Protein backbone atom coordinates (compact mmCIF):
# COMPACT_ATOMS: atom_id res chain seq x y z
CA UNK A 1 0.02 0.06 -0.11
CA UNK A 2 3.18 2.14 0.54
CA UNK A 3 4.67 1.32 -2.18
CA UNK A 4 1.61 2.85 -4.58
CA UNK A 5 0.35 5.99 -2.44
CA UNK A 6 4.65 6.67 -3.09
CA UNK A 7 3.73 5.99 -7.03
CA UNK A 8 0.69 7.87 -7.53
CA UNK A 9 2.71 10.87 -5.06
CA UNK A 10 5.79 11.09 -7.98
CA UNK A 11 3.54 11.20 -10.66
CA UNK A 12 1.96 12.84 -12.57
CA UNK A 13 -1.38 12.77 -10.39
CA UNK A 14 -3.68 10.15 -11.63
CA UNK A 15 -4.63 7.05 -9.16
CA UNK A 16 -3.17 4.22 -11.08
CA UNK A 17 -3.01 1.22 -8.38
CA UNK A 18 -3.18 -2.20 -8.74
CA UNK A 19 -6.26 -3.75 -9.42
CA UNK A 20 -5.14 -6.80 -7.01
CA UNK A 21 -5.25 -3.67 -4.10
CA UNK A 22 -7.96 -4.20 -2.65
CA UNK A 23 -8.53 -7.75 -3.45
CA UNK A 24 -5.14 -8.80 -0.68
CA UNK A 25 -5.93 -6.26 1.77
CA UNK A 26 -9.86 -8.11 1.97
CA UNK A 27 -7.51 -11.30 2.54
CA UNK A 28 -6.05 -10.22 5.20
CA UNK A 29 -8.69 -9.03 6.88
CA UNK A 30 -10.52 -11.91 8.29
CA UNK A 31 -7.25 -12.82 9.78
CA UNK A 32 -6.09 -9.27 10.89
CA UNK A 33 -9.31 -8.88 13.08
CA UNK A 34 -8.48 -12.48 15.09
CA UNK A 35 -5.34 -11.77 15.72
CA UNK A 36 -6.43 -7.86 17.28
CA UNK A 37 -8.93 -10.35 19.40
CA UNK A 38 -6.97 -12.97 20.86
CA UNK A 39 -3.41 -10.84 20.25
CA UNK A 40 -1.62 -13.17 17.56
CA UNK A 41 1.76 -12.19 16.19
CA UNK A 42 3.57 -13.82 13.77
CA UNK A 43 1.98 -16.07 11.70
CA UNK A 44 -1.18 -15.21 9.80
CA UNK A 45 -4.01 -16.45 7.97
CA UNK A 46 -3.70 -19.87 8.72
CA UNK A 47 -5.57 -22.87 7.40
CA UNK A 48 -6.31 -26.29 8.66
CA UNK A 49 -6.19 -28.60 6.39
CA UNK A 50 -7.78 -31.99 7.80
CA UNK A 51 -11.13 -31.31 8.57
CA UNK A 52 -13.02 -31.39 11.04
CA UNK A 53 -14.78 -34.35 12.82
CA UNK A 54 -17.79 -33.98 12.83
CA UNK A 55 -18.06 -34.10 16.73
CA UNK A 56 -14.90 -31.96 16.68
CA UNK A 57 -15.22 -28.35 17.72
CA UNK A 58 -11.89 -26.05 18.40
CA UNK A 59 -12.24 -24.63 22.12
CA UNK A 60 -8.87 -22.44 22.53
CA UNK A 61 -6.54 -21.13 20.11
CA UNK A 62 -2.67 -20.11 21.12
CA UNK A 63 -0.62 -18.13 18.80
CA UNK A 64 3.36 -16.85 19.14
CA UNK A 65 5.83 -15.78 16.87
CA UNK A 66 7.05 -19.13 16.25
CA UNK A 67 3.82 -20.83 15.85
CA UNK A 68 0.10 -21.81 16.88
CA UNK A 69 -2.60 -24.30 18.71
CA UNK A 70 -5.85 -25.03 17.78
CA UNK A 71 -7.08 -27.21 20.56
CA UNK A 72 -10.01 -29.79 20.35
CA UNK A 73 -11.87 -31.65 22.12
CA UNK A 74 -10.96 -34.70 19.74
CA UNK A 75 -7.17 -33.50 19.72
CA UNK A 76 -4.25 -30.60 19.46
CA UNK A 77 -3.15 -29.17 16.37
CA UNK A 78 -0.55 -27.28 15.85
CA UNK A 79 1.55 -25.51 12.64
CA UNK A 80 4.73 -23.53 12.33
CA UNK A 81 6.23 -21.54 9.52
CA UNK A 82 9.74 -23.86 9.98
CA UNK A 83 7.64 -26.55 9.81
CA UNK A 84 5.83 -25.69 6.15
CA UNK A 85 2.33 -27.76 7.42
CA UNK A 86 0.16 -29.20 10.55
CA UNK A 87 0.20 -31.63 13.32
CA UNK A 88 -1.33 -32.90 15.17
CA UNK A 89 -1.94 -35.53 17.86
CA UNK A 90 -4.15 -36.99 19.02
CA UNK A 91 -6.40 -36.94 22.53
CA UNK A 92 -7.42 -39.75 24.63
CA UNK A 93 -11.51 -39.90 25.80
CA UNK A 94 -10.47 -39.11 29.37
CA UNK A 95 -7.45 -36.44 28.92
CA UNK A 96 -7.49 -32.86 29.77
CA UNK A 97 -6.19 -29.52 28.76
CA UNK A 98 -5.23 -28.14 32.08
CA UNK A 99 -2.77 -25.24 30.32
CA UNK A 100 -0.95 -23.68 28.14
CA UNK A 101 2.58 -21.94 27.64
CA UNK A 102 5.13 -20.41 25.31
CA UNK A 103 8.98 -21.44 27.40
CA UNK A 104 11.19 -20.06 24.64
CA UNK A 105 9.89 -19.85 22.28
CA UNK A 106 8.08 -23.61 22.35
CA UNK A 107 4.41 -23.49 22.69
CA UNK A 108 3.94 -26.03 26.10
CA UNK A 109 0.57 -28.08 26.20
CA UNK A 110 -0.65 -29.45 29.60
CA UNK A 111 -2.43 -32.63 29.70
CA UNK A 112 -3.90 -35.05 32.70
CA UNK A 113 -1.77 -37.17 31.15
CA UNK A 114 1.20 -35.39 29.38
CA UNK A 115 3.27 -32.28 28.51
CA UNK A 116 3.00 -32.25 24.70
CA UNK A 117 5.90 -29.17 23.43
CA UNK A 118 4.99 -28.26 19.96
CA UNK A 119 8.41 -25.17 18.30
CA UNK A 120 9.51 -23.71 14.98
CA UNK A 121 12.45 -26.43 14.73
CA UNK A 122 11.06 -29.18 15.91
CA UNK A 123 9.32 -32.29 13.37
CA UNK A 124 6.15 -31.88 14.81
CA UNK A 125 4.80 -32.56 18.46
CA UNK A 126 7.01 -33.60 21.49
CA UNK A 127 6.22 -35.91 24.55
CA UNK A 128 6.73 -36.04 27.70
CA UNK A 129 4.61 -38.49 30.36
């Protein structure tokens, strides 16, 4: 957008905007609103490549500069830019999420039976009992 305005001011005064400027801005609006509402930074505009299950619902979203985590009632889904995709870990039937923490760029998900760790340099989820 800044380049478009600069080209306008340096040119002959006739606005010559890229025809894709407005569609590009509209696409980013939804992810921008979600980022502002939940305080996400870094990764923006994520799309799950796997469909949610019939009874699966997203209960919590968590993100930092290194990645994002979606917690559903059936699994934990993580995304990191260096991983370049999604990694999911199924939850047991009686397993409950106790908390989500951020420690030196790692996202720690504590459950009643284990701790799951997702980081930008890991190849997915690491699990600790």
